[in-house]
Protein backbone atom coordinates (compact mmCIF):
# COMPACT_ATOMS: atom_id res chain seq x y z
CA UNK A 1 -45.67 70.68 -1.01
CA UNK A 2 -46.75 68.29 0.92
CA UNK A 3 -45.09 66.50 4.13
CA UNK A 4 -43.48 63.60 2.26
CA UNK A 5 -41.21 66.49 0.13
CA UNK A 6 -40.73 68.70 2.70
CA UNK A 7 -37.89 66.49 3.89
CA UNK A 8 -36.37 64.63 1.42
CA UNK A 9 -35.99 60.87 2.08
CA UNK A 10 -35.87 62.21 5.72
CA UNK A 11 -32.42 63.82 5.18
CA UNK A 12 -32.71 66.91 2.67
CA UNK A 13 -35.25 69.81 2.43
CA UNK A 14 -36.23 70.94 -1.00
CA UNK A 15 -34.08 74.07 -0.17
CA UNK A 16 -31.08 72.32 0.48
CA UNK A 17 -31.32 70.76 -3.20
CA UNK A 18 -32.22 73.85 -4.79
CA UNK A 19 -28.46 74.47 -5.74
CA UNK A 20 -28.52 71.22 -7.69
CA UNK A 21 -31.79 71.18 -9.10
CA UNK A 22 -31.74 74.97 -10.15
CA UNK A 23 -33.05 74.46 -13.44
CA UNK A 24 -37.01 73.14 -12.34
CA UNK A 25 -39.21 75.16 -10.37
CA UNK A 26 -40.32 73.89 -6.87
CA UNK A 27 -42.90 71.90 -8.38
CA UNK A 28 -40.90 69.94 -10.59
CA UNK A 29 -38.46 69.20 -8.16
CA UNK A 30 -41.14 67.77 -6.47
CA UNK A 31 -42.60 65.26 -9.44
CA UNK A 32 -38.67 64.69 -9.99
CA UNK A 33 -38.16 63.61 -6.21
CA UNK A 34 -40.88 60.98 -6.55
CA UNK A 35 -38.71 58.97 -9.64
CA UNK A 36 -35.09 59.25 -7.18
CA UNK A 37 -33.59 57.15 -4.56
CA UNK A 38 -31.43 58.17 -2.57
CA UNK A 39 -27.73 56.01 -2.01
CA UNK A 40 -24.63 56.20 -0.27
CA UNK A 41 -21.18 54.65 -1.25
CA UNK A 42 -18.54 54.32 0.81
CA UNK A 43 -14.88 55.83 0.17
CA UNK A 44 -13.15 53.77 -2.33
CA UNK A 45 -16.39 51.77 -3.17
CA UNK A 46 -16.99 51.66 -7.03
CA UNK A 47 -20.47 53.15 -8.16
CA UNK A 48 -19.95 52.50 -11.94
CA UNK A 49 -17.67 50.01 -13.73
CA UNK A 50 -16.37 50.57 -17.39
CA UNK A 51 -18.48 47.79 -19.39
CA UNK A 52 -20.97 47.51 -16.80
CA UNK A 53 -24.94 48.12 -18.05
CA UNK A 54 -25.79 51.96 -18.01
CA UNK A 55 -29.17 51.40 -15.61
CA UNK A 56 -28.70 54.67 -13.53
CA UNK A 57 -27.60 58.21 -13.64
CA UNK A 58 -26.96 60.05 -10.45
CA UNK A 59 -27.24 63.44 -8.52
CA UNK A 60 -24.44 64.09 -6.21
CA UNK A 61 -25.10 65.91 -3.38
CA UNK A 62 -22.67 64.90 -0.91
CA UNK A 63 -18.98 63.88 -1.35
CA UNK A 64 -16.81 63.49 -4.04
CA UNK A 65 -15.92 61.02 -6.94
CA UNK A 66 -13.32 60.23 -9.38
CA UNK A 67 -13.66 59.10 -12.87
CA UNK A 68 -11.31 57.00 -14.13
CA UNK A 69 -10.46 55.68 -17.47
CA UNK A 70 -8.55 52.51 -18.23
CA UNK A 71 -5.70 53.20 -20.90
CA UNK A 72 -3.64 51.12 -23.15
CA UNK A 73 -2.04 49.81 -20.37
CA UNK A 74 -4.18 46.66 -18.71
CA UNK A 75 -4.87 47.81 -15.13
CA UNK A 76 -4.23 51.48 -15.66
CA UNK A 77 -6.43 54.50 -15.00
CA UNK A 78 -6.39 57.93 -15.90
CA UNK A 79 -8.23 60.24 -13.74
CA UNK A 80 -10.36 62.46 -16.03
CA UNK A 81 -12.44 64.19 -13.91
CA UNK A 82 -13.40 64.82 -10.11
CA UNK A 83 -16.95 65.37 -9.77
CA UNK A 84 -18.04 67.18 -6.27
CA UNK A 85 -21.67 68.47 -5.05
CA UNK A 86 -24.33 69.05 -7.68
CA UNK A 87 -22.79 67.00 -10.73
CA UNK A 88 -24.48 64.44 -12.88
CA UNK A 89 -23.07 61.38 -13.19
CA UNK A 90 -23.71 58.17 -15.67
CA UNK A 91 -26.36 60.64 -17.58
CA UNK A 92 -25.18 59.30 -21.14
CA UNK A 93 -25.37 55.48 -20.16
CA UNK A 94 -28.66 55.95 -18.61
CA UNK A 95 -29.76 57.91 -21.73
CA UNK A 96 -28.69 55.62 -24.63
CA UNK A 97 -28.79 52.64 -23.11
CA UNK A 98 -25.12 52.22 -23.48
CA UNK A 99 -22.83 50.58 -21.52
CA UNK A 100 -20.26 52.42 -18.59
CA UNK A 101 -17.43 53.85 -20.55
CA UNK A 102 -15.49 55.06 -17.62
CA UNK A 103 -14.81 53.70 -13.75
CA UNK A 104 -16.58 56.23 -11.00
CA UNK A 105 -15.14 55.32 -7.64
CA UNK A 106 -16.52 57.37 -4.48
CA UNK A 107 -13.28 59.41 -3.12
CA UNK A 108 -15.35 59.89 0.29
CA UNK A 109 -18.41 58.88 1.84
CA UNK A 110 -20.81 59.87 -1.06
CA UNK A 111 -24.41 60.74 -1.50
CA UNK A 112 -26.38 60.26 -4.58
CA UNK A 113 -29.98 60.76 -5.83
CA UNK A 114 -30.30 57.97 -8.44
CA UNK A 115 -32.96 57.79 -11.39
CA UNK A 116 -32.73 54.71 -13.11
CA UNK A 117 -33.19 53.83 -16.30
CA UNK A 118 -37.01 52.30 -15.61
CA UNK A 119 -37.58 55.13 -13.60
CA UNK A 120 -36.69 57.68 -16.61
CA UNK A 121 -38.85 55.79 -19.21
CA UNK A 122 -41.55 55.97 -16.17
CA UNK A 123 -41.17 59.72 -16.15
CA UNK A 124 -40.61 60.48 -19.50
CA UNK A 125 -44.22 58.91 -19.97
CA UNK A 126 -45.83 60.56 -16.92
CA UNK A 127 -44.72 63.81 -17.24
CA UNK A 128 -42.69 64.40 -20.84
CA UNK A 129 -42.47 68.25 -19.95
CA UNK A 130 -40.05 66.84 -17.03
CA UNK A 131 -38.69 64.99 -18.69
CA UNK A 132 -37.37 67.37 -21.45
CA UNK A 133 -36.02 70.09 -18.86
CA UNK A 134 -34.05 67.02 -17.22
CA UNK A 135 -32.71 66.54 -20.93
CA UNK A 136 -31.79 69.78 -21.72
CA UNK A 137 -29.82 69.89 -18.03
CA UNK A 138 -27.99 66.77 -19.08
CA UNK A 139 -27.15 68.48 -22.62
CA UNK A 140 -25.94 71.68 -20.93
CA UNK A 141 -23.79 69.50 -19.03
CA UNK A 142 -22.48 67.39 -21.63
CA UNK A 143 -21.84 71.21 -23.56
CA UNK A 144 -19.96 72.31 -21.01
CA UNK A 145 -17.62 69.00 -20.11
CA UNK A 146 -16.83 69.17 -24.02
CA UNK A 147 -16.16 72.41 -24.12
CA UNK A 148 -13.42 71.83 -20.88
CA UNK A 149 -12.24 68.95 -22.55
CA UNK A 150 -11.42 71.00 -26.10
CA UNK A 151 -9.64 73.63 -23.71
CA UNK A 152 -6.97 71.04 -22.12
CA UNK A 153 -6.76 69.33 -25.42
CA UNK A 154 -5.76 72.29 -27.26
CA UNK A 155 -3.39 73.17 -24.26
CA UNK A 156 -1.46 69.75 -25.39
CA UNK A 157 -1.38 70.63 -29.04
């Protein structure tokens, strides 16, 4: 890897991020990093709000996020997930072009590597094999979440 990729964004080395991007080779990680930007949210800041455009997804590098959905009672929310290092967030909206269907709040200072919808489209045109690997990862994560949700639901019945 060249120097620009040796220390990603001046903060993380590829080795430190390998667990998050274990579905990619070192070369593919370096290729993906060219499409990402590092963004930081402070505690209690809203990353995504229900109904907002789904214009980015993120890979959680540091921190914790709460995913909340509004109940039938206006202004009342239910916690549906706590996301920690390595989690994907916002992937459905950015892939489908949908509006956000949940609100995501930083529970502590949180660092995310952001893939904008525009950069995802660019990556898909420039590197379709990398895009396919990312889509496979998204499907894997969504499948795991669906299984967990089904288990929780069956426990309630």
